[in-house]
Amino acid sequence: MNQYLKQAIEQGYIKSIRHDSFSDIEEIKQEQKSQISKAYWRDTRKIVALKFFDLYAVGNDCSSFEDFIKKFQSTQNISDSNVAEFYGVRQSKYFMVLEYAKDGNLREYLRQNFKNLEWKEKISIGKQIA
């Protein structure tokens, strides 16, 4: 698993971020294989979301970790206000740094707002995440 992450960082696909760059870390949600926290990123002066991975739950499943890297490489090209921006990862603790979305993730946003969105906006979101 570490090999895929190291390679993605070396090739410039993903930025490596120091763990000590964050303060005021507050847990938001505990999932089966990960934990999501909110934190203040001192380097950028932004509130961000940190997604920590449980390496024991993920195990040595290289294919799922490789899929994770590909997924977040693809999100770097999305510029929609409804899709959280991906900033980078930290290798030693395996966490992603994402734009903080106070209203939750895209799935939750669509669940709550889908009926109110114009078709043009729905199509735009669909194109960007496809």
C-alpha atoms as a PDB file:
ATOM      1  CA  MET A   1       0.000   0.000   0.000  1.00  0.00           C
ATOM      2  CA  ASN A   2       2.768   2.412   0.941  1.00  0.00           C
ATOM      3  CA  GLN A   3       4.362   1.807  -2.476  1.00  0.00           C
ATOM      4  CA  TYR A   4       1.352   3.238  -4.355  1.00  0.00           C
ATOM      5  CA  LEU A   5       1.176   6.313  -2.157  1.00  0.00           C
ATOM      6  CA  LYS A   6       4.927   6.940  -2.322  1.00  0.00           C
ATOM      7  CA  GLN A   7       4.881   6.588  -6.111  1.00  0.00           C
ATOM      8  CA  ALA A   8       1.912   8.978  -6.472  1.00  0.00           C
ATOM      9  CA  ILE A   9       3.695  11.570  -4.301  1.00  0.00           C
ATOM     10  CA  GLU A  10       7.023  11.205  -6.139  1.00  0.00           C
ATOM     11  CA  GLN A  11       5.270  11.628  -9.499  1.00  0.00           C
ATOM     12  CA  GLY A  12       3.574  14.790  -8.266  1.00  0.00           C
ATOM     13  CA  TYR A  13       0.019  13.441  -8.441  1.00  0.00           C
ATOM     14  CA  ILE A  14      -0.544  13.882  -4.717  1.00  0.00           C
ATOM     15  CA  LYS A  15       0.953  16.399  -2.300  1.00  0.00           C
ATOM     16  CA  SER A  16       2.460  15.148   0.991  1.00  0.00           C
ATOM     17  CA  ILE A  17       1.462  17.245   4.017  1.00  0.00           C
ATOM     18  CA  ARG A  18       3.049  17.336   7.496  1.00  0.00           C
ATOM     19  CA  HIS A  19       0.834  16.173  10.381  1.00  0.00           C
ATOM     20  CA  ASP A  20       1.983  19.040  12.611  1.00  0.00           C
ATOM     21  CA  SER A  21       0.438  21.540  10.167  1.00  0.00           C
ATOM     22  CA  PHE A  22      -2.956  21.061  11.848  1.00  0.00           C
ATOM     23  CA  SER A  23      -4.506  22.183  15.118  1.00  0.00           C
ATOM     24  CA  ASP A  24      -7.942  22.089  16.744  1.00  0.00           C
ATOM     25  CA  ILE A  25      -8.626  18.583  15.415  1.00  0.00           C
ATOM     26  CA  GLU A  26     -12.206  17.542  16.168  1.00  0.00           C
ATOM     27  CA  GLU A  27     -13.770  14.182  15.224  1.00  0.00           C
ATOM     28  CA  ILE A  28     -16.861  14.506  13.031  1.00  0.00           C
ATOM     29  CA  LYS A  29     -17.694  10.967  11.962  1.00  0.00           C
ATOM     30  CA  GLN A  30     -16.439   7.433  12.572  1.00  0.00           C
ATOM     31  CA  GLU A  31     -16.818   5.028   9.640  1.00  0.00           C
ATOM     32  CA  GLN A  32     -15.985   1.345   9.310  1.00  0.00           C
ATOM     33  CA  LYS A  33     -12.511   1.846   7.798  1.00  0.00           C
ATOM     34  CA  SER A  34     -11.905   5.526   8.450  1.00  0.00           C
ATOM     35  CA  GLN A  35     -12.492   8.509  10.692  1.00  0.00           C
ATOM     36  CA  ILE A  36     -13.329  12.006   9.510  1.00  0.00           C
ATOM     37  CA  SER A  37     -12.194  15.008  11.536  1.00  0.00           C
ATOM     38  CA  LYS A  38     -12.337  18.772  11.153  1.00  0.00           C
ATOM     39  CA  ALA A  39      -9.104  20.722  11.693  1.00  0.00           C
ATOM     40  CA  TYR A  40      -7.473  24.114  11.271  1.00  0.00           C
ATOM     41  CA  TRP A  41      -4.667  23.947   8.668  1.00  0.00           C
ATOM     42  CA  ARG A  42      -2.170  26.568   9.829  1.00  0.00           C
ATOM     43  CA  ASP A  43      -0.276  26.685   6.513  1.00  0.00           C
ATOM     44  CA  THR A  44      -3.368  27.856   4.614  1.00  0.00           C
ATOM     45  CA  ARG A  45      -5.437  29.309   7.474  1.00  0.00           C
ATOM     46  CA  LYS A  46      -8.383  27.151   6.386  1.00  0.00           C
ATOM     47  CA  ILE A  47     -10.704  24.745   8.136  1.00  0.00           C
ATOM     48  CA  VAL A  48     -10.278  21.376   6.392  1.00  0.00           C
ATOM     49  CA  ALA A  49     -11.511  17.820   6.709  1.00  0.00           C
ATOM     50  CA  LEU A  50      -9.011  15.082   7.581  1.00  0.00           C
ATOM     51  CA  LYS A  51      -9.928  11.532   6.615  1.00  0.00           C
ATOM     52  CA  PHE A  52      -7.855   9.034   8.625  1.00  0.00           C
ATOM     53  CA  PHE A  53      -7.604   5.425   7.431  1.00  0.00           C
ATOM     54  CA  ASP A  54      -7.623   2.386   9.702  1.00  0.00           C
ATOM     55  CA  LEU A  55      -4.759   0.416   8.176  1.00  0.00           C
ATOM     56  CA  TYR A  56      -5.839  -2.764   9.943  1.00  0.00           C
ATOM     57  CA  ALA A  57      -9.321  -2.527   8.405  1.00  0.00           C
ATOM     58  CA  VAL A  58      -7.929  -1.701   4.962  1.00  0.00           C
ATOM     59  CA  GLY A  59      -5.201  -4.326   5.367  1.00  0.00           C
ATOM     60  CA  ASN A  60      -2.787  -4.888   2.525  1.00  0.00           C
ATOM     61  CA  ASP A  61      -5.472  -4.571  -0.122  1.00  0.00           C
ATOM     62  CA  CYS A  62      -3.304  -2.799  -2.684  1.00  0.00           C
ATOM     63  CA  SER A  63      -6.033  -2.714  -5.308  1.00  0.00           C
ATOM     64  CA  SER A  64      -8.415  -0.744  -3.074  1.00  0.00           C
ATOM     65  CA  PHE A  65      -5.610   1.630  -2.047  1.00  0.00           C
ATOM     66  CA  GLU A  66      -4.621   2.083  -5.689  1.00  0.00           C
ATOM     67  CA  ASP A  67      -8.289   2.807  -6.477  1.00  0.00           C
ATOM     68  CA  PHE A  68      -8.270   5.378  -3.657  1.00  0.00           C
ATOM     69  CA  ILE A  69      -5.258   7.136  -5.186  1.00  0.00           C
ATOM     70  CA  LYS A  70      -6.795   7.111  -8.670  1.00  0.00           C
ATOM     71  CA  LYS A  71     -10.082   8.442  -7.282  1.00  0.00           C
ATOM     72  CA  PHE A  72      -8.432  11.400  -5.614  1.00  0.00           C
ATOM     73  CA  GLN A  73      -6.098  12.082  -8.530  1.00  0.00           C
ATOM     74  CA  SER A  74      -9.216  12.483 -10.656  1.00  0.00           C
ATOM     75  CA  THR A  75     -10.862  14.867  -8.161  1.00  0.00           C
ATOM     76  CA  GLN A  76      -7.976  17.304  -8.496  1.00  0.00           C
ATOM     77  CA  ASN A  77      -9.357  18.306 -11.911  1.00  0.00           C
ATOM     78  CA  ILE A  78     -12.885  19.006 -10.646  1.00  0.00           C
ATOM     79  CA  SER A  79     -13.783  22.627 -10.032  1.00  0.00           C
ATOM     80  CA  ASP A  80     -17.360  22.423  -8.780  1.00  0.00           C
ATOM     81  CA  SER A  81     -18.376  24.127  -5.552  1.00  0.00           C
ATOM     82  CA  ASN A  82     -20.328  20.987  -4.576  1.00  0.00           C
ATOM     83  CA  VAL A  83     -17.287  18.683  -4.753  1.00  0.00           C
ATOM     84  CA  ALA A  84     -14.747  18.971  -1.919  1.00  0.00           C
ATOM     85  CA  GLU A  85     -11.275  19.922  -3.098  1.00  0.00           C
ATOM     86  CA  PHE A  86      -8.547  17.363  -2.377  1.00  0.00           C
ATOM     87  CA  TYR A  87      -5.372  18.986  -0.998  1.00  0.00           C
ATOM     88  CA  GLY A  88      -3.044  16.044  -0.290  1.00  0.00           C
ATOM     89  CA  VAL A  89      -2.124  13.233   2.102  1.00  0.00           C
ATOM     90  CA  ARG A  90       0.195  12.422   4.972  1.00  0.00           C
ATOM     91  CA  GLN A  91       2.144   9.200   4.561  1.00  0.00           C
ATOM     92  CA  SER A  92       2.951   8.050   8.076  1.00  0.00           C
ATOM     93  CA  LYS A  93      -0.578   8.299   9.492  1.00  0.00           C
ATOM     94  CA  TYR A  94      -2.415   7.801   6.188  1.00  0.00           C
ATOM     95  CA  PHE A  95      -4.892  10.606   6.110  1.00  0.00           C
ATOM     96  CA  MET A  96      -6.251  12.779   3.326  1.00  0.00           C
ATOM     97  CA  VAL A  97      -6.689  16.521   3.599  1.00  0.00           C
ATOM     98  CA  LEU A  98      -9.915  17.694   1.977  1.00  0.00           C
ATOM     99  CA  GLU A  99     -11.848  20.899   1.725  1.00  0.00           C
ATOM    100  CA  TYR A 100     -14.211  21.108   4.698  1.00  0.00           C
ATOM    101  CA  ALA A 101     -17.869  20.991   3.662  1.00  0.00           C
ATOM    102  CA  LYS A 102     -20.026  22.111   6.579  1.00  0.00           C
ATOM    103  CA  ASP A 103     -23.088  20.559   4.938  1.00  0.00           C
ATOM    104  CA  GLY A 104     -21.458  17.134   4.476  1.00  0.00           C
ATOM    105  CA  ASN A 105     -20.209  15.278   1.429  1.00  0.00           C
ATOM    106  CA  LEU A 106     -21.596  15.335  -2.117  1.00  0.00           C
ATOM    107  CA  ARG A 107     -23.829  12.312  -1.473  1.00  0.00           C
ATOM    108  CA  GLU A 108     -25.458  14.052   1.496  1.00  0.00           C
ATOM    109  CA  TYR A 109     -25.741  17.317  -0.439  1.00  0.00           C
ATOM    110  CA  LEU A 110     -27.512  15.597  -3.345  1.00  0.00           C
ATOM    111  CA  ARG A 111     -29.772  13.637  -1.012  1.00  0.00           C
ATOM    112  CA  GLN A 112     -30.954  16.892   0.571  1.00  0.00           C
ATOM    113  CA  ASN A 113     -30.976  19.182  -2.481  1.00  0.00           C
ATOM    114  CA  PHE A 114     -31.479  17.055  -5.605  1.00  0.00           C
ATOM    115  CA  LYS A 115     -35.128  18.074  -6.094  1.00  0.00           C
ATOM    116  CA  ASN A 116     -34.218  21.764  -5.887  1.00  0.00           C
ATOM    117  CA  LEU A 117     -31.299  21.690  -8.353  1.00  0.00           C
ATOM    118  CA  GLU A 118     -31.717  22.832 -11.947  1.00  0.00           C
ATOM    119  CA  TRP A 119     -31.067  20.108 -14.545  1.00  0.00           C
ATOM    120  CA  LYS A 120     -28.150  22.138 -15.893  1.00  0.00           C
ATOM    121  CA  GLU A 121     -26.474  21.983 -12.462  1.00  0.00           C
ATOM    122  CA  LYS A 122     -27.232  18.244 -12.087  1.00  0.00           C
ATOM    123  CA  ILE A 123     -25.646  17.537 -15.468  1.00  0.00           C
ATOM    124  CA  SER A 124     -22.619  19.700 -14.621  1.00  0.00           C
ATOM    125  CA  ILE A 125     -22.020  17.810 -11.360  1.00  0.00           C
ATOM    126  CA  GLY A 126     -22.470  14.473 -13.139  1.00  0.00           C
ATOM    127  CA  LYS A 127     -19.976  15.354 -15.877  1.00  0.00           C
ATOM    128  CA  GLN A 128     -17.346  16.476 -13.388  1.00  0.00           C
ATOM    129  CA  ILE A 129     -17.489  13.353 -11.236  1.00  0.00           C
ATOM    130  CA  ALA A 130     -17.741  10.892 -14.155  1.00  0.00           C
END
